[in-house]
Amino acid sequence: MFMGIYLVIEAKNGLILMWDQKTSIFIKLSPEFKGAVCGLCGNYDGNANNDFTLRNQGVVNNALDFGNSWKQSSSCPDSTNISNPCFYNLYRQAWAQKQCSIIMGEGFTTCHTQVDAAPFYDACVRDTCACDTGGDCECYCTAVAAYAKACIEAGVCVSWRTPKVCPLFCDYYNSPHECEWHYKACGVPCMKTCRNPSGNCSSQIPPLEGIQIIFRLINS
């Protein structure tokens, strides 16, 4: 089903996939799987300090060692370090830092005490530097949206998009006396639609930003 800008797939085994139909995909598991899984997505035990658990149950701090331990086949070569894209795209570094400063800025102040902004800022700069063959705005917007989503899940709503910053222009296409499209930064309600005829949504699905359609009755 569609919720906001996301395509949400809920499997019967408790797995939920949320895709923004562009560059982000999120995986969520039912609470019954807590501490019962392993792999590249962590072990889902609520402790971020042991997410880099190797196949042999050892714990490391290096993402590369962690990833290599979960190779599907031992015959596959190990991955090697990838240099920071800002180092070989120096002309983009200053622009990336300026754009991504929105994460550390005043607009997200209410979230800073709930969700550490530093790793999201670093990831934003890195991703924005790396997008050098088209889609630079897409990479930047995806990175900021990831922090905004983390804020919403922590209970802090930040309406950060504007007509000049990663806009979604649905509100600008509203016509008088017709159904209206409204952007909701902090999640859209679960509604009965053609794709969701039951009108039921899983309680495991977090608030997702996107578009809500409001219908008005017109007096004849």
Protein backbone atom coordinates (compact mmCIF):
# COMPACT_ATOMS: atom_id res chain seq x y z
CA MET A 1 0.00 0.00 0.00
CA PHE A 2 1.00 3.64 -0.32
CA MET A 3 1.41 5.87 2.72
CA GLY A 4 2.49 9.40 1.94
CA ILE A 5 5.40 9.27 -0.48
CA TYR A 6 6.22 5.70 0.57
CA LEU A 7 5.35 2.32 -0.85
CA VAL A 8 4.87 0.07 2.17
CA ILE A 9 4.97 -3.71 1.93
CA GLU A 10 3.99 -5.67 5.02
CA ALA A 11 4.80 -9.38 4.89
CA LYS A 12 2.90 -11.95 6.94
CA ASN A 13 6.08 -12.93 8.79
CA GLY A 14 6.36 -9.50 10.47
CA LEU A 15 8.73 -7.85 7.99
CA ILE A 16 7.86 -4.36 6.78
CA LEU A 17 9.58 -2.63 3.85
CA MET A 18 9.18 1.13 3.35
CA TRP A 19 10.46 2.62 0.08
CA ASP A 20 10.22 6.29 -0.86
CA GLN A 21 10.13 5.21 -4.54
CA LYS A 22 13.51 6.88 -5.04
CA THR A 23 16.69 6.37 -3.04
CA SER A 24 15.64 5.27 0.46
CA ILE A 25 14.41 1.95 1.76
CA PHE A 26 13.75 1.11 5.41
CA ILE A 27 13.27 -2.32 6.96
CA LYS A 28 11.29 -2.85 10.14
CA LEU A 29 10.71 -6.07 12.03
CA SER A 30 8.00 -7.12 14.42
CA PRO A 31 9.06 -6.91 18.12
CA GLU A 32 8.94 -10.70 18.35
CA PHE A 33 12.23 -10.77 16.38
CA LYS A 34 14.14 -8.69 18.96
CA GLY A 35 17.49 -10.32 19.65
CA ALA A 36 16.64 -13.19 17.32
CA VAL A 37 18.23 -11.97 14.09
CA CYS A 38 21.75 -11.27 12.85
CA GLY A 39 23.51 -9.90 9.80
CA LEU A 40 24.17 -6.56 8.15
CA CYS A 41 21.10 -4.94 9.69
CA GLY A 42 22.23 -5.70 13.24
CA ASN A 43 20.72 -8.00 15.83
CA TYR A 44 17.72 -5.87 16.85
CA ASP A 45 18.37 -6.10 20.58
CA GLY A 46 18.11 -2.37 21.26
CA ASN A 47 21.86 -1.99 21.86
CA ALA A 48 23.59 -0.05 19.08
CA ASN A 49 27.02 -0.83 20.54
CA ASN A 50 26.97 -4.44 19.36
CA ASP A 51 25.42 -3.96 15.92
CA PHE A 52 28.76 -4.78 14.27
CA THR A 53 28.58 -8.42 15.37
CA LEU A 54 30.53 -10.76 13.10
CA ARG A 55 29.33 -14.06 11.75
CA ASN A 56 31.42 -15.76 14.47
CA GLN A 57 29.70 -13.61 17.14
CA GLY A 58 32.73 -11.39 17.72
CA VAL A 59 32.11 -7.63 17.87
CA VAL A 60 34.19 -5.08 15.95
CA ASN A 61 34.18 -1.31 15.47
CA ASN A 62 35.15 -1.35 11.81
CA ALA A 63 32.30 -1.40 9.30
CA LEU A 64 34.50 -2.98 6.63
CA ASP A 65 35.48 -5.95 8.81
CA PHE A 66 31.85 -6.33 9.81
CA GLY A 67 30.62 -6.33 6.22
CA ASN A 68 33.27 -8.74 4.99
CA SER A 69 32.37 -11.25 7.70
CA TRP A 70 28.89 -11.60 6.24
CA LYS A 71 29.94 -12.44 2.69
CA GLN A 72 27.60 -14.98 1.15
CA SER A 73 30.54 -16.99 -0.18
CA SER A 74 34.07 -17.25 1.19
CA SER A 75 35.33 -17.24 -2.41
CA CYS A 76 34.18 -13.64 -2.83
CA PRO A 77 37.01 -11.13 -2.44
CA ASP A 78 37.00 -8.86 0.59
CA SER A 79 35.80 -5.33 0.10
CA THR A 80 38.45 -2.65 0.48
CA ASN A 81 38.31 0.81 1.92
CA ILE A 82 36.63 3.44 -0.22
CA SER A 83 38.17 6.87 0.16
CA ASN A 84 36.02 9.76 1.25
CA PRO A 85 34.36 11.18 -1.91
CA CYS A 86 34.89 14.70 -0.60
CA PHE A 87 38.66 14.11 -0.92
CA TYR A 88 38.52 13.46 -4.65
CA ASN A 89 35.65 15.88 -5.31
CA LEU A 90 37.14 18.81 -3.43
CA TYR A 91 35.17 21.32 -5.47
CA ARG A 92 31.97 19.84 -4.04
CA GLN A 93 33.03 19.67 -0.40
CA ALA A 94 32.29 23.28 0.53
CA TRP A 95 28.90 23.12 -1.24
CA ALA A 96 28.03 19.84 0.47
CA GLN A 97 28.97 21.19 3.90
CA LYS A 98 26.91 24.32 3.34
CA GLN A 99 23.84 22.40 2.16
CA CYS A 100 24.00 19.78 4.90
CA SER A 101 24.40 22.41 7.63
CA ILE A 102 20.58 22.47 7.72
CA ILE A 103 20.82 19.33 9.87
CA MET A 104 22.88 21.15 12.48
CA GLY A 105 20.88 24.37 12.10
CA GLU A 106 18.14 26.13 13.97
CA GLY A 107 15.31 24.37 12.16
CA PHE A 108 16.24 21.05 13.76
CA THR A 109 17.12 22.46 17.20
CA THR A 110 14.19 20.73 18.91
CA CYS A 111 15.47 17.38 17.66
CA HIS A 112 19.14 17.76 18.55
CA THR A 113 18.61 16.69 22.16
CA GLN A 114 16.69 13.61 21.06
CA VAL A 115 18.69 12.38 18.07
CA ASP A 116 22.42 13.01 17.64
CA ALA A 117 22.75 15.09 14.48
CA ALA A 118 26.50 14.60 13.97
CA PRO A 119 26.46 11.18 12.23
CA PHE A 120 23.57 12.29 10.00
CA TYR A 121 25.46 15.47 9.05
CA ASP A 122 28.63 13.49 8.26
CA ALA A 123 26.65 11.03 6.12
CA CYS A 124 24.92 13.90 4.35
CA VAL A 125 28.22 15.58 3.44
CA ARG A 126 29.73 12.31 2.27
CA ASP A 127 26.71 11.35 0.14
CA THR A 128 26.36 14.82 -1.33
CA CYS A 129 30.02 14.87 -2.30
CA ALA A 130 29.66 11.45 -3.91
CA CYS A 131 26.74 12.37 -6.17
CA ASP A 132 28.78 13.91 -8.94
CA THR A 133 27.19 12.34 -12.00
CA GLY A 134 23.64 13.60 -11.61
CA GLY A 135 21.13 13.34 -8.82
CA ASP A 136 23.11 15.59 -6.48
CA CYS A 137 19.97 17.14 -5.05
CA GLU A 138 18.44 13.69 -4.65
CA CYS A 139 21.35 12.47 -2.53
CA TYR A 140 21.27 15.61 -0.40
CA CYS A 141 17.50 15.53 0.12
CA THR A 142 17.55 11.83 0.97
CA ALA A 143 20.20 12.41 3.64
CA VAL A 144 18.27 15.25 5.29
CA ALA A 145 15.02 13.29 5.07
CA ALA A 146 16.72 10.42 6.92
CA TYR A 147 17.44 12.71 9.88
CA ALA A 148 13.92 14.15 9.78
CA LYS A 149 12.51 10.61 9.86
CA ALA A 150 14.67 9.74 12.87
CA CYS A 151 13.37 12.87 14.60
CA ILE A 152 9.76 11.90 13.95
CA GLU A 153 10.36 8.42 15.37
CA ALA A 154 11.84 10.10 18.47
CA GLY A 155 8.67 12.15 18.84
CA VAL A 156 9.94 15.41 17.35
CA CYS A 157 8.26 16.77 14.25
CA VAL A 158 10.31 19.07 12.02
CA SER A 159 8.76 20.57 8.90
CA TRP A 160 11.97 21.28 6.99
CA ARG A 161 11.01 21.23 3.32
CA THR A 162 10.39 24.56 1.58
CA PRO A 163 9.86 25.62 -2.04
CA LYS A 164 13.65 26.09 -2.21
CA VAL A 165 14.80 23.14 -0.10
CA CYS A 166 13.84 19.68 -1.39
CA PRO A 167 10.27 20.77 -2.23
CA LEU A 168 7.22 18.60 -2.71
CA PHE A 169 4.87 20.84 -4.66
CA CYS A 170 1.56 19.08 -4.10
CA ASP A 171 0.03 22.03 -2.23
CA TYR A 172 0.69 24.32 -5.18
CA TYR A 173 -1.60 22.29 -7.45
CA ASN A 174 -4.75 22.60 -5.36
CA SER A 175 -7.76 23.84 -7.29
CA PRO A 176 -10.68 25.61 -5.63
CA HIS A 177 -13.65 23.39 -4.76
CA GLU A 178 -11.85 20.21 -5.81
CA CYS A 179 -10.05 17.45 -3.93
CA GLU A 180 -6.91 18.92 -2.42
CA TRP A 181 -3.45 17.47 -1.96
CA HIS A 182 -1.72 18.49 1.23
CA TYR A 183 1.84 17.70 2.28
CA LYS A 184 2.20 16.39 5.83
CA ALA A 185 5.74 16.54 7.18
CA CYS A 186 5.02 14.44 10.24
CA GLY A 187 3.06 11.55 8.86
CA VAL A 188 -0.25 10.97 7.17
CA PRO A 189 -3.16 9.17 8.81
CA CYS A 190 -4.13 5.64 7.88
CA MET A 191 -7.04 5.92 5.48
CA LYS A 192 -9.28 3.63 3.49
CA THR A 193 -8.18 3.84 -0.14
CA CYS A 194 -8.42 1.78 -3.31
CA ARG A 195 -5.08 0.20 -2.47
CA ASN A 196 -5.96 -0.18 1.20
CA PRO A 197 -9.70 -1.02 1.14
CA SER A 198 -9.73 -2.23 4.74
CA GLY A 199 -8.47 1.09 6.04
CA ASN A 200 -6.20 -0.74 8.47
CA CYS A 201 -2.50 -0.05 8.96
CA SER A 202 0.05 -1.86 11.09
CA SER A 203 0.94 -0.25 14.40
CA GLN A 204 4.56 -1.07 13.53
CA ILE A 205 4.61 1.42 10.66
CA PRO A 206 6.09 4.73 11.90
CA PRO A 207 4.74 8.14 10.85
CA LEU A 208 5.74 8.71 7.21
CA GLU A 209 5.86 12.06 5.50
CA GLY A 210 3.87 12.57 2.35
CA ILE A 211 0.66 13.67 0.77
CA GLN A 212 -2.84 13.51 2.17
CA ILE A 213 -5.87 13.92 -0.06
CA ILE A 214 -8.77 15.86 1.42
CA PHE A 215 -12.14 15.77 -0.29
CA ARG A 216 -14.63 18.61 0.11
CA LEU A 217 -18.34 18.32 -0.35
CA ILE A 218 -19.75 20.99 -2.61
CA ASN A 219 -23.25 22.28 -1.96
CA SER A 220 -25.31 22.17 -5.15
